[in-house]
Amino acid sequence: MIKNIFDRLLALVLIILFSPLYIVVSLLIFLKMGSPVIFYQKRPGYKRKIFGIFKFRTMTNEKDKEGNLLPDDQRLIGIGKLIRSTSLDELPQLFNVLKGEMSFVGPRPLLIEYLDFYNDEQKRRHDVKPGITGWAQVNGRNAISWKQKFEYDVWYVDNQSFLLDMKILWMTFLKVVKRSDISSSTSSTMEKFTGN
């Protein structure tokens, strides 16, 4: 309960403080890629309850002749790369925290389609609220394997504490400043999870 209150109060303060930044980023996206500015997608959260996550859009909606979206690498243009490398695309998730759907720290909310691929141990990542950042993000983010990522997520579930959250937030700040581990070793985004 204390963490939930802290999360919501801090989210409200940061939304107010960052409001000029929201406006600038929104204008840049609109001018370079058009609308929508916000990327909205259903994700599983605490106890696998589905909610809608908010992010700034970083990819265009370009399609091939058959009407299929082009690969991520081709849709991730300059402004999108900049927004993603600085983690500004995550800012709208402060509204998810304010609504109580997410926390500042916890396992990242992944795609609904991955739920069927989790083993019993990996399912435990949903025993806490998903976070804007997490133990996996500060220990490799997209540069580590899915297996490692889930191991870090479950470790956090078993070891969460206020001091650990403060450590993760500080490590996240350093990662953002250094712009490290943004992409996987084989893709500009993260490869899809298909089970271990």
N, C-alpha and C. Protein backbone atom coordinates (compact mmCIF):
# COMPACT_ATOMS: atom_id res chain seq x y z
N MET A 1 0.83 -1.21 0.00
CA MET A 1 0.00 0.00 0.00
C MET A 1 0.86 1.26 0.00
N ILE A 2 1.95 1.24 0.79
CA ILE A 2 2.85 2.40 0.85
C ILE A 2 3.49 2.65 -0.51
N LYS A 3 3.92 1.56 -1.16
CA LYS A 3 4.53 1.69 -2.48
C LYS A 3 3.53 2.25 -3.48
N ASN A 4 2.28 1.81 -3.41
CA ASN A 4 1.24 2.27 -4.32
C ASN A 4 1.00 3.77 -4.15
N ILE A 5 0.93 4.23 -2.90
CA ILE A 5 0.71 5.66 -2.63
C ILE A 5 1.91 6.47 -3.12
N PHE A 6 3.12 5.99 -2.81
CA PHE A 6 4.35 6.67 -3.24
C PHE A 6 4.39 6.77 -4.77
N ASP A 7 4.08 5.65 -5.45
CA ASP A 7 4.09 5.63 -6.92
C ASP A 7 3.15 6.68 -7.50
N ARG A 8 1.94 6.71 -6.99
CA ARG A 8 0.93 7.62 -7.56
C ARG A 8 1.27 9.09 -7.29
N LEU A 9 1.74 9.39 -6.09
CA LEU A 9 2.09 10.78 -5.78
C LEU A 9 3.28 11.25 -6.62
N LEU A 10 4.29 10.38 -6.75
CA LEU A 10 5.47 10.74 -7.54
C LEU A 10 5.10 10.88 -9.01
N ALA A 11 4.22 10.00 -9.50
CA ALA A 11 3.78 10.08 -10.90
C ALA A 11 3.08 11.41 -11.17
N LEU A 12 2.22 11.83 -10.25
CA LEU A 12 1.50 13.09 -10.42
C LEU A 12 2.46 14.27 -10.47
N VAL A 13 3.44 14.27 -9.56
CA VAL A 13 4.43 15.35 -9.52
C VAL A 13 5.23 15.40 -10.82
N LEU A 14 5.67 14.22 -11.30
CA LEU A 14 6.48 14.17 -12.51
C LEU A 14 5.69 14.54 -13.76
N ILE A 15 4.43 14.16 -13.81
CA ILE A 15 3.59 14.55 -14.95
C ILE A 15 3.49 16.07 -15.04
N ILE A 16 3.33 16.71 -13.90
CA ILE A 16 3.25 18.18 -13.88
C ILE A 16 4.59 18.79 -14.28
N LEU A 17 5.68 18.27 -13.72
CA LEU A 17 7.01 18.81 -14.03
C LEU A 17 7.40 18.61 -15.48
N PHE A 18 7.03 17.45 -16.04
CA PHE A 18 7.42 17.12 -17.40
C PHE A 18 6.41 17.57 -18.45
N SER A 19 5.36 18.28 -18.06
CA SER A 19 4.32 18.68 -19.02
C SER A 19 4.89 19.43 -20.22
N PRO A 20 5.88 20.35 -20.06
CA PRO A 20 6.45 20.99 -21.26
C PRO A 20 7.14 19.98 -22.18
N LEU A 21 7.78 18.98 -21.59
CA LEU A 21 8.46 17.95 -22.38
C LEU A 21 7.46 17.10 -23.15
N TYR A 22 6.33 16.80 -22.52
CA TYR A 22 5.26 16.07 -23.21
C TYR A 22 4.82 16.83 -24.47
N ILE A 23 4.68 18.12 -24.35
CA ILE A 23 4.23 18.95 -25.47
C ILE A 23 5.26 18.95 -26.59
N VAL A 24 6.54 19.14 -26.24
CA VAL A 24 7.62 19.18 -27.25
C VAL A 24 7.73 17.85 -27.98
N VAL A 25 7.76 16.74 -27.24
CA VAL A 25 7.88 15.42 -27.87
C VAL A 25 6.67 15.12 -28.75
N SER A 26 5.49 15.48 -28.28
CA SER A 26 4.26 15.25 -29.06
C SER A 26 4.30 16.02 -30.37
N LEU A 27 4.76 17.26 -30.33
CA LEU A 27 4.86 18.07 -31.55
C LEU A 27 5.87 17.48 -32.53
N LEU A 28 7.01 17.03 -32.02
CA LEU A 28 8.03 16.43 -32.88
C LEU A 28 7.51 15.19 -33.59
N ILE A 29 6.81 14.35 -32.84
CA ILE A 29 6.25 13.12 -33.42
C ILE A 29 5.20 13.45 -34.46
N PHE A 30 4.35 14.40 -34.14
CA PHE A 30 3.28 14.78 -35.07
C PHE A 30 3.85 15.36 -36.36
N LEU A 31 4.87 16.20 -36.24
CA LEU A 31 5.46 16.83 -37.42
C LEU A 31 6.23 15.84 -38.29
N LYS A 32 6.87 14.87 -37.67
CA LYS A 32 7.71 13.91 -38.40
C LYS A 32 6.96 12.66 -38.85
N MET A 33 5.98 12.22 -38.05
CA MET A 33 5.31 10.96 -38.35
C MET A 33 3.79 11.07 -38.44
N GLY A 34 3.25 12.23 -38.08
CA GLY A 34 1.81 12.39 -38.10
C GLY A 34 1.16 11.80 -36.86
N SER A 35 -0.13 11.57 -36.93
CA SER A 35 -0.85 11.01 -35.80
C SER A 35 -1.06 9.51 -36.01
N PRO A 36 -1.29 8.76 -34.94
CA PRO A 36 -1.37 9.22 -33.55
C PRO A 36 0.01 9.45 -32.95
N VAL A 37 0.03 10.28 -31.92
CA VAL A 37 1.28 10.57 -31.23
C VAL A 37 1.55 9.50 -30.17
N ILE A 38 0.49 9.01 -29.57
CA ILE A 38 0.60 8.01 -28.50
C ILE A 38 0.38 6.61 -29.05
N PHE A 39 1.26 5.70 -28.67
CA PHE A 39 1.12 4.29 -28.99
C PHE A 39 0.38 3.63 -27.83
N TYR A 40 -0.73 2.96 -28.14
CA TYR A 40 -1.56 2.32 -27.09
C TYR A 40 -1.67 0.84 -27.41
N GLN A 41 -1.40 0.01 -26.41
CA GLN A 41 -1.46 -1.43 -26.65
C GLN A 41 -1.87 -2.15 -25.37
N LYS A 42 -2.67 -3.19 -25.52
CA LYS A 42 -3.09 -4.00 -24.39
C LYS A 42 -1.94 -4.88 -23.92
N ARG A 43 -1.72 -4.90 -22.61
CA ARG A 43 -0.66 -5.72 -22.02
C ARG A 43 -1.18 -6.38 -20.75
N PRO A 44 -0.62 -7.53 -20.36
CA PRO A 44 -1.00 -8.15 -19.10
C PRO A 44 -0.23 -7.53 -17.94
N GLY A 45 -0.93 -7.25 -16.84
CA GLY A 45 -0.30 -6.65 -15.69
C GLY A 45 -0.34 -7.55 -14.47
N TYR A 46 -0.62 -6.97 -13.32
CA TYR A 46 -0.66 -7.71 -12.05
C TYR A 46 -1.71 -8.81 -12.12
N LYS A 47 -1.29 -10.03 -11.76
CA LYS A 47 -2.15 -11.21 -11.82
C LYS A 47 -2.71 -11.44 -13.22
N ARG A 48 -1.94 -10.98 -14.23
CA ARG A 48 -2.26 -11.13 -15.65
C ARG A 48 -3.52 -10.39 -16.08
N LYS A 49 -3.93 -9.40 -15.27
CA LYS A 49 -5.06 -8.56 -15.65
C LYS A 49 -4.65 -7.65 -16.81
N ILE A 50 -5.48 -7.58 -17.85
CA ILE A 50 -5.14 -6.81 -19.04
C ILE A 50 -5.42 -5.32 -18.84
N PHE A 51 -4.47 -4.49 -19.26
CA PHE A 51 -4.65 -3.04 -19.21
C PHE A 51 -4.03 -2.44 -20.47
N GLY A 52 -4.27 -1.16 -20.71
CA GLY A 52 -3.72 -0.49 -21.88
C GLY A 52 -2.51 0.35 -21.52
N ILE A 53 -1.38 0.05 -22.13
CA ILE A 53 -0.15 0.78 -21.84
C ILE A 53 0.00 1.95 -22.82
N PHE A 54 0.54 3.07 -22.31
CA PHE A 54 0.76 4.26 -23.12
C PHE A 54 2.26 4.47 -23.36
N LYS A 55 2.62 4.77 -24.60
CA LYS A 55 4.00 5.12 -24.93
C LYS A 55 3.96 6.16 -26.05
N PHE A 56 5.02 6.95 -26.16
CA PHE A 56 5.13 7.81 -27.34
C PHE A 56 5.46 6.93 -28.54
N ARG A 57 4.84 7.21 -29.66
CA ARG A 57 5.08 6.41 -30.86
C ARG A 57 6.47 6.67 -31.40
N THR A 58 7.19 5.60 -31.76
CA THR A 58 8.55 5.75 -32.27
C THR A 58 8.71 5.17 -33.67
N MET A 59 7.68 4.52 -34.20
CA MET A 59 7.77 3.92 -35.53
C MET A 59 6.65 4.42 -36.43
N THR A 60 6.95 4.52 -37.72
CA THR A 60 5.95 4.93 -38.69
C THR A 60 4.97 3.78 -38.96
N ASN A 61 3.92 4.05 -39.70
CA ASN A 61 2.95 3.02 -40.05
C ASN A 61 3.09 2.57 -41.51
N GLU A 62 4.31 2.68 -42.05
CA GLU A 62 4.55 2.32 -43.45
C GLU A 62 4.27 0.84 -43.71
N LYS A 63 3.64 0.57 -44.84
CA LYS A 63 3.29 -0.81 -45.20
C LYS A 63 3.83 -1.17 -46.58
N ASP A 64 3.93 -2.48 -46.84
CA ASP A 64 4.39 -2.92 -48.15
C ASP A 64 3.21 -2.97 -49.12
N LYS A 65 3.43 -3.47 -50.32
CA LYS A 65 2.38 -3.50 -51.35
C LYS A 65 1.20 -4.37 -50.96
N GLU A 66 1.45 -5.36 -50.10
CA GLU A 66 0.37 -6.25 -49.67
C GLU A 66 -0.40 -5.70 -48.46
N GLY A 67 0.02 -4.55 -47.97
CA GLY A 67 -0.68 -3.94 -46.84
C GLY A 67 -0.15 -4.36 -45.48
N ASN A 68 1.00 -5.06 -45.46
CA ASN A 68 1.60 -5.48 -44.20
C ASN A 68 2.61 -4.44 -43.73
N LEU A 69 2.69 -4.25 -42.42
CA LEU A 69 3.65 -3.30 -41.87
C LEU A 69 5.07 -3.72 -42.22
N LEU A 70 5.89 -2.74 -42.57
CA LEU A 70 7.29 -3.02 -42.87
C LEU A 70 8.01 -3.47 -41.59
N PRO A 71 9.17 -4.14 -41.71
CA PRO A 71 9.94 -4.55 -40.52
C PRO A 71 10.27 -3.36 -39.64
N ASP A 72 10.43 -3.63 -38.35
CA ASP A 72 10.72 -2.56 -37.38
C ASP A 72 11.89 -1.69 -37.80
N ASP A 73 12.95 -2.30 -38.30
CA ASP A 73 14.15 -1.55 -38.69
C ASP A 73 13.84 -0.46 -39.72
N GLN A 74 12.89 -0.74 -40.61
CA GLN A 74 12.56 0.21 -41.67
C GLN A 74 11.57 1.27 -41.20
N ARG A 75 10.84 0.99 -40.14
CA ARG A 75 9.85 1.95 -39.63
C ARG A 75 10.38 2.82 -38.49
N LEU A 76 11.55 2.45 -37.97
CA LEU A 76 12.16 3.22 -36.89
C LEU A 76 13.07 4.28 -37.49
N ILE A 77 12.51 5.47 -37.71
CA ILE A 77 13.25 6.55 -38.37
C ILE A 77 13.98 7.41 -37.34
N GLY A 78 14.66 8.46 -37.81
CA GLY A 78 15.50 9.29 -36.96
C GLY A 78 14.89 9.77 -35.67
N ILE A 79 13.73 10.41 -35.73
CA ILE A 79 13.11 10.95 -34.53
C ILE A 79 12.71 9.83 -33.58
N GLY A 80 12.26 8.71 -34.15
CA GLY A 80 11.89 7.57 -33.32
C GLY A 80 13.08 6.98 -32.60
N LYS A 81 14.21 6.90 -33.32
CA LYS A 81 15.44 6.38 -32.70
C LYS A 81 15.89 7.27 -31.56
N LEU A 82 15.79 8.59 -31.76
CA LEU A 82 16.19 9.54 -30.72
C LEU A 82 15.31 9.40 -29.49
N ILE A 83 14.00 9.34 -29.70
CA ILE A 83 13.06 9.23 -28.59
C ILE A 83 13.27 7.92 -27.82
N ARG A 84 13.52 6.85 -28.57
CA ARG A 84 13.72 5.54 -27.93
C ARG A 84 15.06 5.49 -27.20
N SER A 85 16.12 6.03 -27.80
CA SER A 85 17.45 5.96 -27.18
C SER A 85 17.54 6.78 -25.90
N THR A 86 16.70 7.81 -25.78
CA THR A 86 16.67 8.64 -24.57
C THR A 86 15.58 8.19 -23.60
N SER A 87 14.86 7.12 -23.98
CA SER A 87 13.77 6.55 -23.17
C SER A 87 12.60 7.51 -22.96
N LEU A 88 12.52 8.54 -23.80
CA LEU A 88 11.40 9.47 -23.70
C LEU A 88 10.08 8.80 -24.09
N ASP A 89 10.17 7.71 -24.85
CA ASP A 89 8.94 7.01 -25.24
C ASP A 89 8.21 6.42 -24.05
N GLU A 90 8.92 6.24 -22.93
CA GLU A 90 8.30 5.65 -21.74
C GLU A 90 7.54 6.67 -20.89
N LEU A 91 7.73 7.96 -21.14
CA LEU A 91 7.12 8.99 -20.29
C LEU A 91 5.60 8.87 -20.10
N PRO A 92 4.83 8.56 -21.16
CA PRO A 92 3.37 8.44 -20.97
C PRO A 92 2.96 7.36 -19.98
N GLN A 93 3.87 6.43 -19.66
CA GLN A 93 3.52 5.38 -18.70
C GLN A 93 3.36 5.93 -17.28
N LEU A 94 3.76 7.19 -17.06
CA LEU A 94 3.48 7.82 -15.78
C LEU A 94 1.98 7.87 -15.52
N PHE A 95 1.19 7.96 -16.60
CA PHE A 95 -0.27 7.95 -16.44
C PHE A 95 -0.76 6.55 -16.04
N ASN A 96 -0.07 5.50 -16.52
CA ASN A 96 -0.40 4.15 -16.07
C ASN A 96 -0.09 3.97 -14.59
N VAL A 97 1.00 4.59 -14.13
CA VAL A 97 1.35 4.54 -12.71
C VAL A 97 0.32 5.31 -11.90
N LEU A 98 -0.08 6.48 -12.39
CA LEU A 98 -1.08 7.30 -11.70
C LEU A 98 -2.41 6.56 -11.57
N LYS A 99 -2.75 5.76 -12.58
CA LYS A 99 -3.99 4.99 -12.55
C LYS A 99 -3.90 3.73 -11.69
N GLY A 100 -2.69 3.40 -11.24
CA GLY A 100 -2.51 2.23 -10.39
C GLY A 100 -2.31 0.94 -11.17
N GLU A 101 -2.11 1.03 -12.48
CA GLU A 101 -1.93 -0.15 -13.31
C GLU A 101 -0.47 -0.61 -13.35
N MET A 102 0.44 0.33 -13.09
CA MET A 102 1.87 0.04 -13.11
C MET A 102 2.54 0.67 -11.90
N SER A 103 3.78 0.25 -11.68
CA SER A 103 4.63 0.84 -10.65
C SER A 103 5.84 1.44 -11.34
N PHE A 104 6.64 2.20 -10.61
CA PHE A 104 7.88 2.70 -11.20
C PHE A 104 8.85 1.55 -11.43
N VAL A 105 8.85 0.59 -10.50
CA VAL A 105 9.77 -0.54 -10.59
C VAL A 105 9.01 -1.85 -10.56
N GLY A 106 9.34 -2.73 -11.49
CA GLY A 106 8.72 -4.05 -11.58
C GLY A 106 9.04 -4.67 -12.92
N PRO A 107 8.68 -5.91 -13.15
CA PRO A 107 8.91 -6.53 -14.46
C PRO A 107 8.19 -5.76 -15.56
N ARG A 108 8.82 -5.56 -16.70
CA ARG A 108 8.21 -4.83 -17.79
C ARG A 108 6.98 -5.58 -18.31
N PRO A 109 5.88 -4.86 -18.61
CA PRO A 109 4.70 -5.51 -19.18
C PRO A 109 4.95 -5.91 -20.63
N LEU A 110 4.81 -7.18 -20.92
CA LEU A 110 5.10 -7.70 -22.25
C LEU A 110 3.81 -7.94 -23.04
N LEU A 111 3.93 -8.56 -24.20
CA LEU A 111 2.77 -8.77 -25.07
C LEU A 111 1.85 -9.86 -24.54
N ILE A 112 0.56 -9.71 -24.79
CA ILE A 112 -0.43 -10.70 -24.36
C ILE A 112 -0.13 -12.06 -24.97
N GLU A 113 0.35 -12.06 -26.21
CA GLU A 113 0.60 -13.32 -26.91
C GLU A 113 1.67 -14.17 -26.23
N TYR A 114 2.50 -13.56 -25.37
CA TYR A 114 3.55 -14.31 -24.69
C TYR A 114 3.01 -15.16 -23.53
N LEU A 115 1.82 -14.85 -23.03
CA LEU A 115 1.28 -15.54 -21.86
C LEU A 115 1.25 -17.05 -22.04
N ASP A 116 0.93 -17.51 -23.24
CA ASP A 116 0.83 -18.95 -23.49
C ASP A 116 2.18 -19.65 -23.51
N PHE A 117 3.28 -18.88 -23.58
CA PHE A 117 4.61 -19.47 -23.68
C PHE A 117 5.34 -19.56 -22.35
N TYR A 118 4.82 -18.91 -21.29
CA TYR A 118 5.52 -18.90 -20.02
C TYR A 118 5.46 -20.27 -19.34
N ASN A 119 6.57 -20.66 -18.72
CA ASN A 119 6.51 -21.82 -17.85
C ASN A 119 6.05 -21.35 -16.46
N ASP A 120 5.89 -22.27 -15.52
CA ASP A 120 5.33 -21.92 -14.21
C ASP A 120 6.18 -20.89 -13.48
N GLU A 121 7.50 -20.99 -13.61
CA GLU A 121 8.39 -20.05 -12.95
C GLU A 121 8.28 -18.66 -13.57
N GLN A 122 8.22 -18.59 -14.88
CA GLN A 122 8.13 -17.30 -15.57
C GLN A 122 6.81 -16.60 -15.30
N LYS A 123 5.76 -17.36 -15.06
CA LYS A 123 4.44 -16.77 -14.76
C LYS A 123 4.47 -15.94 -13.49
N ARG A 124 5.44 -16.22 -12.61
CA ARG A 124 5.52 -15.51 -11.32
C ARG A 124 5.86 -14.03 -11.49
N ARG A 125 6.31 -13.63 -12.67
CA ARG A 125 6.61 -12.22 -12.92
C ARG A 125 5.36 -11.37 -12.79
N HIS A 126 4.18 -12.01 -12.86
CA HIS A 126 2.92 -11.29 -12.74
C HIS A 126 2.40 -11.24 -11.30
N ASP A 127 3.22 -11.66 -10.35
CA ASP A 127 2.82 -11.61 -8.93
C ASP A 127 3.02 -10.21 -8.34
N VAL A 128 3.60 -9.30 -9.12
CA VAL A 128 3.73 -7.90 -8.71
C VAL A 128 3.28 -7.02 -9.89
N LYS A 129 3.07 -5.75 -9.61
CA LYS A 129 2.71 -4.84 -10.70
C LYS A 129 3.87 -4.70 -11.68
N PRO A 130 3.56 -4.55 -12.96
CA PRO A 130 4.63 -4.29 -13.93
C PRO A 130 5.20 -2.90 -13.70
N GLY A 131 6.43 -2.68 -14.15
CA GLY A 131 7.09 -1.41 -13.90
C GLY A 131 7.56 -0.69 -15.15
N ILE A 132 7.81 0.60 -15.00
CA ILE A 132 8.42 1.37 -16.08
C ILE A 132 9.86 0.89 -16.28
N THR A 133 10.52 0.54 -15.18
CA THR A 133 11.85 -0.05 -15.23
C THR A 133 11.88 -1.23 -14.28
N GLY A 134 12.94 -2.02 -14.37
CA GLY A 134 13.01 -3.20 -13.53
C GLY A 134 14.42 -3.75 -13.42
N TRP A 135 14.56 -4.83 -12.66
CA TRP A 135 15.87 -5.44 -12.44
C TRP A 135 16.47 -5.94 -13.74
N ALA A 136 15.63 -6.46 -14.63
CA ALA A 136 16.13 -6.93 -15.92
C ALA A 136 16.60 -5.77 -16.78
N GLN A 137 15.93 -4.62 -16.67
CA GLN A 137 16.28 -3.47 -17.50
C GLN A 137 17.65 -2.89 -17.12
N VAL A 138 17.98 -2.93 -15.83
CA VAL A 138 19.27 -2.37 -15.41
C VAL A 138 20.39 -3.41 -15.47
N ASN A 139 20.03 -4.63 -15.86
CA ASN A 139 21.03 -5.70 -16.00
C ASN A 139 21.11 -6.23 -17.42
N GLY A 140 20.87 -5.34 -18.37
CA GLY A 140 21.03 -5.74 -19.76
C GLY A 140 19.93 -5.30 -20.69
N ARG A 141 18.72 -5.08 -20.15
CA ARG A 141 17.59 -4.60 -20.96
C ARG A 141 17.40 -5.46 -22.20
N ASN A 142 17.47 -4.89 -23.39
CA ASN A 142 17.26 -5.65 -24.62
C ASN A 142 18.49 -6.39 -25.12
N ALA A 143 19.60 -6.22 -24.41
CA ALA A 143 20.85 -6.86 -24.85
C ALA A 143 21.04 -8.25 -24.24
N ILE A 144 20.11 -8.69 -23.39
CA ILE A 144 20.21 -10.02 -22.78
C ILE A 144 19.14 -10.93 -23.36
N SER A 145 19.28 -12.23 -23.12
CA SER A 145 18.32 -13.21 -23.65
C SER A 145 17.02 -13.17 -22.88
N TRP A 146 15.98 -13.73 -23.47
CA TRP A 146 14.70 -13.82 -22.78
C TRP A 146 14.83 -14.63 -21.49
N LYS A 147 15.59 -15.70 -21.54
CA LYS A 147 15.78 -16.56 -20.35
C LYS A 147 16.36 -15.75 -19.20
N GLN A 148 17.40 -14.97 -19.49
CA GLN A 148 18.01 -14.13 -18.46
C GLN A 148 17.04 -13.09 -17.95
N LYS A 149 16.27 -12.50 -18.87
CA LYS A 149 15.32 -11.46 -18.51
C LYS A 149 14.28 -11.98 -17.52
N PHE A 150 13.74 -13.16 -17.79
CA PHE A 150 12.73 -13.73 -16.90
C PHE A 150 13.33 -14.13 -15.55
N GLU A 151 14.57 -14.58 -15.55
CA GLU A 151 15.24 -14.92 -14.29
C GLU A 151 15.40 -13.68 -13.42
N TYR A 152 15.76 -12.56 -14.05
CA TYR A 152 15.87 -11.30 -13.31
C TYR A 152 14.50 -10.85 -12.80
N ASP A 153 13.46 -11.01 -13.61
CA ASP A 153 12.11 -10.61 -13.21
C ASP A 153 11.65 -11.37 -11.97
N VAL A 154 11.84 -12.69 -11.98
CA VAL A 154 11.41 -13.53 -10.85
C VAL A 154 12.27 -13.25 -9.62
N TRP A 155 13.57 -12.98 -9.84
CA TRP A 155 14.43 -12.61 -8.71
C TRP A 155 13.90 -11.36 -8.04
N TYR A 156 13.45 -10.40 -8.84
CA TYR A 156 12.91 -9.16 -8.26
C TYR A 156 11.66 -9.46 -7.43
N VAL A 157 10.78 -10.31 -7.93
CA VAL A 157 9.56 -10.67 -7.21
C VAL A 157 9.91 -11.21 -5.83
N ASP A 158 10.96 -12.02 -5.74
CA ASP A 158 11.35 -12.65 -4.48
C ASP A 158 12.15 -11.74 -3.57
N ASN A 159 12.71 -10.67 -4.10
CA ASN A 159 13.62 -9.83 -3.31
C ASN A 159 13.22 -8.36 -3.26
N GLN A 160 12.04 -8.01 -3.68
CA GLN A 160 11.66 -6.59 -3.76
C GLN A 160 11.69 -5.93 -2.39
N SER A 161 12.14 -4.69 -2.39
CA SER A 161 12.19 -3.87 -1.18
C SER A 161 12.33 -2.42 -1.60
N PHE A 162 12.13 -1.52 -0.66
CA PHE A 162 12.25 -0.09 -0.94
C PHE A 162 13.68 0.25 -1.38
N LEU A 163 14.66 -0.29 -0.67
CA LEU A 163 16.05 0.00 -1.00
C LEU A 163 16.42 -0.54 -2.39
N LEU A 164 15.92 -1.73 -2.72
CA LEU A 164 16.19 -2.29 -4.05
C LEU A 164 15.56 -1.42 -5.13
N ASP A 165 14.34 -0.94 -4.89
CA ASP A 165 13.68 -0.06 -5.86
C ASP A 165 14.48 1.22 -6.07
N MET A 166 15.01 1.80 -4.98
CA MET A 166 15.82 3.01 -5.09
C MET A 166 17.09 2.74 -5.89
N LYS A 167 17.68 1.58 -5.67
CA LYS A 167 18.89 1.19 -6.41
C LYS A 167 18.58 1.06 -7.90
N ILE A 168 17.45 0.41 -8.22
CA ILE A 168 17.06 0.20 -9.62
C ILE A 168 16.78 1.54 -10.30
N LEU A 169 16.11 2.45 -9.61
CA LEU A 169 15.82 3.77 -10.19
C LEU A 169 17.11 4.53 -10.47
N TRP A 170 18.09 4.45 -9.56
CA TRP A 170 19.37 5.13 -9.77
C TRP A 170 20.11 4.51 -10.94
N MET A 171 20.13 3.16 -11.01
CA MET A 171 20.80 2.47 -12.11
C MET A 171 20.12 2.77 -13.45
N THR A 172 18.78 2.93 -13.41
CA THR A 172 18.03 3.28 -14.62
C THR A 172 18.45 4.65 -15.12
N PHE A 173 18.57 5.59 -14.20
CA PHE A 173 19.01 6.95 -14.56
C PHE A 173 20.36 6.90 -15.27
N LEU A 174 21.29 6.11 -14.74
CA LEU A 174 22.61 5.99 -15.36
C LEU A 174 22.53 5.35 -16.73
N LYS A 175 21.66 4.34 -16.89
CA LYS A 175 21.47 3.68 -18.18
C LYS A 175 20.93 4.65 -19.22
N VAL A 176 19.97 5.48 -18.80
CA VAL A 176 19.36 6.44 -19.72
C VAL A 176 20.39 7.46 -20.16
N VAL A 177 21.19 7.94 -19.22
CA VAL A 177 22.22 8.92 -19.54
C VAL A 177 23.23 8.35 -20.52
N LYS A 178 23.61 7.08 -20.32
CA LYS A 178 24.60 6.43 -21.19
C LYS A 178 23.97 5.87 -22.46
N ARG A 179 22.62 5.79 -22.50
CA ARG A 179 21.88 5.22 -23.63
C ARG A 179 22.36 3.80 -23.95
N SER A 180 22.50 2.99 -22.94
CA SER A 180 23.04 1.64 -23.14
C SER A 180 21.95 0.58 -23.17
N ASP A 181 22.22 -0.53 -23.88
CA ASP A 181 21.35 -1.71 -23.96
C ASP A 181 19.98 -1.42 -24.56
N ILE A 182 19.90 -0.47 -25.49
CA ILE A 182 18.63 -0.11 -26.10
C ILE A 182 18.14 -1.22 -27.02
N SER A 183 19.05 -1.84 -27.76
CA SER A 183 18.68 -2.85 -28.75
C SER A 183 19.27 -4.20 -28.40
N SER A 184 18.69 -5.24 -29.00
CA SER A 184 19.28 -6.56 -28.85
C SER A 184 20.47 -6.65 -29.80
N SER A 185 21.22 -7.75 -29.74
CA SER A 185 22.41 -7.89 -30.56
C SER A 185 22.10 -8.13 -32.03
N THR A 186 20.84 -8.50 -32.33
CA THR A 186 20.49 -8.85 -33.70
C THR A 186 19.36 -7.99 -34.28
N SER A 187 18.86 -7.04 -33.50
CA SER A 187 17.72 -6.26 -33.98
C SER A 187 17.71 -4.90 -33.31
N SER A 188 17.05 -3.92 -33.95
CA SER A 188 16.92 -2.59 -33.37
C SER A 188 15.88 -2.59 -32.25
N THR A 189 15.02 -3.60 -32.23
CA THR A 189 14.08 -3.79 -31.13
C THR A 189 14.41 -5.15 -30.51
N MET A 190 13.48 -5.71 -29.75
CA MET A 190 13.71 -7.02 -29.14
C MET A 190 12.99 -8.09 -29.93
N GLU A 191 13.68 -9.24 -30.16
CA GLU A 191 13.04 -10.32 -30.88
C GLU A 191 11.84 -10.84 -30.11
N LYS A 192 10.87 -11.41 -30.81
CA LYS A 192 9.68 -11.94 -30.16
C LYS A 192 10.04 -13.15 -29.31
N PHE A 193 9.32 -13.31 -28.20
CA PHE A 193 9.51 -14.47 -27.33
C PHE A 193 8.62 -15.61 -27.81
N THR A 194 9.22 -16.78 -27.98
CA THR A 194 8.47 -17.94 -28.48
C THR A 194 8.56 -19.12 -27.52
N GLY A 195 9.00 -18.86 -26.28
CA GLY A 195 9.12 -19.91 -25.29
C GLY A 195 10.54 -20.43 -25.21
N ASN A 196 10.85 -21.03 -24.07
CA ASN A 196 12.20 -21.59 -23.86
C ASN A 196 12.17 -23.09 -24.12
